[in-house]
Amino acid sequence: MGVLTDYFRAPNSAAVVQSLEETDGGSPLSAEPPRFEGVDAKGMDPAVVLG
């Protein structure tokens, strides 16, 4: 199994915690509508592809 990575910007850590609680730990980017602006980077290894 590979690494599943999403990159997003949130106003603060409390907003991230609230989003994770509301989505049962799911990505804030997969919610409808997405909770934060970001990039769904599943399948990309950040150290290799984004480096």
PDB file of N, CA and C in Angstrom:
ATOM      1  N   MET A   1       0.846  -1.179   0.000  1.00  0.00           N
ATOM      2  CA  MET A   1       0.000   0.000   0.000  1.00  0.00           C
ATOM      3  C   MET A   1       0.884   1.232   0.000  1.00  0.00           C
ATOM      4  N   GLY A   2       0.557   2.188  -0.817  1.00  0.00           N
ATOM      5  CA  GLY A   2       1.345   3.405  -0.928  1.00  0.00           C
ATOM      6  C   GLY A   2       0.901   4.463   0.058  1.00  0.00           C
ATOM      7  N   VAL A   3       1.551   5.575  -0.040  1.00  0.00           N
ATOM      8  CA  VAL A   3       1.243   6.713   0.819  1.00  0.00           C
ATOM      9  C   VAL A   3       0.145   7.527   0.146  1.00  0.00           C
ATOM     10  N   LEU A   4      -0.895   7.864   0.891  1.00  0.00           N
ATOM     11  CA  LEU A   4      -1.973   8.701   0.385  1.00  0.00           C
ATOM     12  C   LEU A   4      -1.822  10.082   0.992  1.00  0.00           C
ATOM     13  N   THR A   5      -1.606  11.075   0.144  1.00  0.00           N
ATOM     14  CA  THR A   5      -1.273  12.408   0.628  1.00  0.00           C
ATOM     15  C   THR A   5      -2.198  13.444  -0.003  1.00  0.00           C
ATOM     16  N   ASP A   6      -2.720  14.352   0.800  1.00  0.00           N
ATOM     17  CA  ASP A   6      -3.445  15.522   0.334  1.00  0.00           C
ATOM     18  C   ASP A   6      -2.757  16.746   0.923  1.00  0.00           C
ATOM     19  N   TYR A   7      -2.650  17.788   0.129  1.00  0.00           N
ATOM     20  CA  TYR A   7      -2.093  19.049   0.611  1.00  0.00           C
ATOM     21  C   TYR A   7      -3.195  20.084   0.567  1.00  0.00           C
ATOM     22  N   PHE A   8      -3.386  20.796   1.682  1.00  0.00           N
ATOM     23  CA  PHE A   8      -4.419  21.818   1.719  1.00  0.00           C
ATOM     24  C   PHE A   8      -4.002  22.936   2.660  1.00  0.00           C
ATOM     25  N   ARG A   9      -4.648  24.095   2.473  1.00  0.00           N
ATOM     26  CA  ARG A   9      -4.418  25.238   3.353  1.00  0.00           C
ATOM     27  C   ARG A   9      -5.654  25.419   4.220  1.00  0.00           C
ATOM     28  N   ALA A  10      -5.423  25.613   5.501  1.00  0.00           N
ATOM     29  CA  ALA A  10      -6.513  25.839   6.448  1.00  0.00           C
ATOM     30  C   ALA A  10      -6.190  27.084   7.261  1.00  0.00           C
ATOM     31  N   PRO A  11      -7.204  27.769   7.738  1.00  0.00           N
ATOM     32  CA  PRO A  11      -6.954  28.997   8.495  1.00  0.00           C
ATOM     33  C   PRO A  11      -6.235  28.763   9.820  1.00  0.00           C
ATOM     34  N   ASN A  12      -6.453  27.585  10.435  1.00  0.00           N
ATOM     35  CA  ASN A  12      -5.794  27.275  11.702  1.00  0.00           C
ATOM     36  C   ASN A  12      -5.975  25.790  12.007  1.00  0.00           C
ATOM     37  N   SER A  13      -5.291  25.322  13.031  1.00  0.00           N
ATOM     38  CA  SER A  13      -5.359  23.897  13.369  1.00  0.00           C
ATOM     39  C   SER A  13      -6.733  23.498  13.907  1.00  0.00           C
ATOM     40  N   ALA A  14      -7.422  24.418  14.557  1.00  0.00           N
ATOM     41  CA  ALA A  14      -8.760  24.102  15.076  1.00  0.00           C
ATOM     42  C   ALA A  14      -9.727  23.799  13.928  1.00  0.00           C
ATOM     43  N   ALA A  15      -9.588  24.488  12.807  1.00  0.00           N
ATOM     44  CA  ALA A  15     -10.446  24.237  11.647  1.00  0.00           C
ATOM     45  C   ALA A  15     -10.177  22.844  11.070  1.00  0.00           C
ATOM     46  N   VAL A  16      -8.922  22.413  11.100  1.00  0.00           N
ATOM     47  CA  VAL A  16      -8.566  21.080  10.604  1.00  0.00           C
ATOM     48  C   VAL A  16      -9.160  20.014  11.519  1.00  0.00           C
ATOM     49  N   VAL A  17      -9.024  20.192  12.817  1.00  0.00           N
ATOM     50  CA  VAL A  17      -9.579  19.232  13.783  1.00  0.00           C
ATOM     51  C   VAL A  17     -11.091  19.135  13.607  1.00  0.00           C
ATOM     52  N   GLN A  18     -11.771  20.262  13.467  1.00  0.00           N
ATOM     53  CA  GLN A  18     -13.217  20.264  13.295  1.00  0.00           C
ATOM     54  C   GLN A  18     -13.597  19.531  12.002  1.00  0.00           C
ATOM     55  N   SER A  19     -12.864  19.780  10.926  1.00  0.00           N
ATOM     56  CA  SER A  19     -13.151  19.116   9.653  1.00  0.00           C
ATOM     57  C   SER A  19     -12.953  17.609   9.753  1.00  0.00           C
ATOM     58  N   LEU A  20     -11.884  17.180  10.415  1.00  0.00           N
ATOM     59  CA  LEU A  20     -11.634  15.745  10.568  1.00  0.00           C
ATOM     60  C   LEU A  20     -12.714  15.075  11.406  1.00  0.00           C
ATOM     61  N   GLU A  21     -13.203  15.766  12.422  1.00  0.00           N
ATOM     62  CA  GLU A  21     -14.284  15.214  13.239  1.00  0.00           C
ATOM     63  C   GLU A  21     -15.579  15.099  12.440  1.00  0.00           C
ATOM     64  N   GLU A  22     -15.866  16.092  11.608  1.00  0.00           N
ATOM     65  CA  GLU A  22     -17.110  16.091  10.836  1.00  0.00           C
ATOM     66  C   GLU A  22     -17.075  15.070   9.696  1.00  0.00           C
ATOM     67  N   THR A  23     -15.895  14.762   9.171  1.00  0.00           N
ATOM     68  CA  THR A  23     -15.784  13.819   8.049  1.00  0.00           C
ATOM     69  C   THR A  23     -15.305  12.454   8.507  1.00  0.00           C
ATOM     70  N   ASP A  24     -15.329  12.196   9.810  1.00  0.00           N
ATOM     71  CA  ASP A  24     -14.890  10.918  10.376  1.00  0.00           C
ATOM     72  C   ASP A  24     -13.459  10.582   9.964  1.00  0.00           C
ATOM     73  N   GLY A  25     -12.601  11.587   9.966  1.00  0.00           N
ATOM     74  CA  GLY A  25     -11.185  11.393   9.657  1.00  0.00           C
ATOM     75  C   GLY A  25     -10.863  11.401   8.180  1.00  0.00           C
ATOM     76  N   GLY A  26     -11.859  11.635   7.336  1.00  0.00           N
ATOM     77  CA  GLY A  26     -11.636  11.671   5.888  1.00  0.00           C
ATOM     78  C   GLY A  26     -10.960  12.962   5.455  1.00  0.00           C
ATOM     79  N   SER A  27     -10.486  12.960   4.245  1.00  0.00           N
ATOM     80  CA  SER A  27      -9.810  14.132   3.703  1.00  0.00           C
ATOM     81  C   SER A  27     -10.771  15.310   3.580  1.00  0.00           C
ATOM     82  N   PRO A  28     -10.353  16.496   3.974  1.00  0.00           N
ATOM     83  CA  PRO A  28     -11.202  17.672   3.794  1.00  0.00           C
ATOM     84  C   PRO A  28     -11.411  18.009   2.315  1.00  0.00           C
ATOM     85  N   LEU A  29     -10.578  17.448   1.448  1.00  0.00           N
ATOM     86  CA  LEU A  29     -10.718  17.713   0.016  1.00  0.00           C
ATOM     87  C   LEU A  29     -11.772  16.830  -0.636  1.00  0.00           C
ATOM     88  N   SER A  30     -12.100  15.706  -0.011  1.00  0.00           N
ATOM     89  CA  SER A  30     -13.087  14.816  -0.603  1.00  0.00           C
ATOM     90  C   SER A  30     -14.508  15.121  -0.145  1.00  0.00           C
ATOM     91  N   ALA A  31     -14.661  16.088   0.753  1.00  0.00           N
ATOM     92  CA  ALA A  31     -16.000  16.497   1.198  1.00  0.00           C
ATOM     93  C   ALA A  31     -16.680  17.278   0.070  1.00  0.00           C
ATOM     94  N   GLU A  32     -17.994  17.308   0.089  1.00  0.00           N
ATOM     95  CA  GLU A  32     -18.741  18.079  -0.910  1.00  0.00           C
ATOM     96  C   GLU A  32     -19.468  19.212  -0.224  1.00  0.00           C
ATOM     97  N   PRO A  33     -19.136  20.439  -0.476  1.00  0.00           N
ATOM     98  CA  PRO A  33     -17.980  20.917  -1.230  1.00  0.00           C
ATOM     99  C   PRO A  33     -16.704  20.746  -0.406  1.00  0.00           C
ATOM    100  N   PRO A  34     -15.525  20.800  -1.046  1.00  0.00           N
ATOM    101  CA  PRO A  34     -14.268  20.684  -0.294  1.00  0.00           C
ATOM    102  C   PRO A  34     -14.197  21.753   0.799  1.00  0.00           C
ATOM    103  N   ARG A  35     -13.698  21.365   1.955  1.00  0.00           N
ATOM    104  CA  ARG A  35     -13.657  22.292   3.091  1.00  0.00           C
ATOM    105  C   ARG A  35     -12.512  23.295   3.003  1.00  0.00           C
ATOM    106  N   PHE A  36     -11.451  22.931   2.314  1.00  0.00           N
ATOM    107  CA  PHE A  36     -10.290  23.812   2.177  1.00  0.00           C
ATOM    108  C   PHE A  36      -9.787  23.782   0.735  1.00  0.00           C
ATOM    109  N   GLU A  37      -9.015  24.785   0.370  1.00  0.00           N
ATOM    110  CA  GLU A  37      -8.360  24.818  -0.929  1.00  0.00           C
ATOM    111  C   GLU A  37      -7.150  23.900  -0.863  1.00  0.00           C
ATOM    112  N   GLY A  38      -6.979  23.034  -1.862  1.00  0.00           N
ATOM    113  CA  GLY A  38      -5.843  22.125  -1.816  1.00  0.00           C
ATOM    114  C   GLY A  38      -5.694  21.277  -3.054  1.00  0.00           C
ATOM    115  N   VAL A  39      -4.802  20.293  -2.947  1.00  0.00           N
ATOM    116  CA  VAL A  39      -4.475  19.402  -4.056  1.00  0.00           C
ATOM    117  C   VAL A  39      -4.602  17.963  -3.580  1.00  0.00           C
ATOM    118  N   ASP A  40      -5.335  17.171  -4.332  1.00  0.00           N
ATOM    119  CA  ASP A  40      -5.460  15.744  -4.068  1.00  0.00           C
ATOM    120  C   ASP A  40      -4.240  15.071  -4.706  1.00  0.00           C
ATOM    121  N   ALA A  41      -3.287  14.649  -3.897  1.00  0.00           N
ATOM    122  CA  ALA A  41      -2.003  14.134  -4.408  1.00  0.00           C
ATOM    123  C   ALA A  41      -1.849  12.644  -4.188  1.00  0.00           C
ATOM    124  N   LYS A  42      -2.951  11.907  -4.199  1.00  0.00           N
ATOM    125  CA  LYS A  42      -2.854  10.463  -3.997  1.00  0.00           C
ATOM    126  C   LYS A  42      -2.048   9.840  -5.132  1.00  0.00           C
ATOM    127  N   GLY A  43      -1.157   8.953  -4.787  1.00  0.00           N
ATOM    128  CA  GLY A  43      -0.319   8.298  -5.780  1.00  0.00           C
ATOM    129  C   GLY A  43       0.971   9.028  -6.084  1.00  0.00           C
ATOM    130  N   MET A  44       1.153  10.207  -5.497  1.00  0.00           N
ATOM    131  CA  MET A  44       2.399  10.955  -5.699  1.00  0.00           C
ATOM    132  C   MET A  44       3.229  10.885  -4.427  1.00  0.00           C
ATOM    133  N   ASP A  45       4.471  10.543  -4.567  1.00  0.00           N
ATOM    134  CA  ASP A  45       5.391  10.566  -3.427  1.00  0.00           C
ATOM    135  C   ASP A  45       5.981  11.970  -3.372  1.00  0.00           C
ATOM    136  N   PRO A  46       5.646  12.768  -2.358  1.00  0.00           N
ATOM    137  CA  PRO A  46       6.067  14.173  -2.340  1.00  0.00           C
ATOM    138  C   PRO A  46       7.580  14.354  -2.417  1.00  0.00           C
ATOM    139  N   ALA A  47       8.346  13.481  -1.807  1.00  0.00           N
ATOM    140  CA  ALA A  47       9.803  13.646  -1.821  1.00  0.00           C
ATOM    141  C   ALA A  47      10.380  13.397  -3.224  1.00  0.00           C
ATOM    142  N   VAL A  48       9.727  12.568  -4.010  1.00  0.00           N
ATOM    143  CA  VAL A  48      10.227  12.238  -5.335  1.00  0.00           C
ATOM    144  C   VAL A  48       9.598  13.128  -6.406  1.00  0.00           C
ATOM    145  N   VAL A  49       8.278  13.192  -6.431  1.00  0.00           N
ATOM    146  CA  VAL A  49       7.578  13.894  -7.500  1.00  0.00           C
ATOM    147  C   VAL A  49       7.604  15.406  -7.315  1.00  0.00           C
ATOM    148  N   LEU A  50       7.398  15.877  -6.092  1.00  0.00           N
ATOM    149  CA  LEU A  50       7.323  17.308  -5.853  1.00  0.00           C
ATOM    150  C   LEU A  50       8.677  17.925  -5.512  1.00  0.00           C
ATOM    151  N   GLY A  51       9.667  17.094  -5.264  1.00  0.00           N
ATOM    152  CA  GLY A  51      11.002  17.582  -4.904  1.00  0.00           C
ATOM    153  C   GLY A  51      11.678  18.167  -6.079  1.00  0.00           C
TER     154      GLY A  51
END
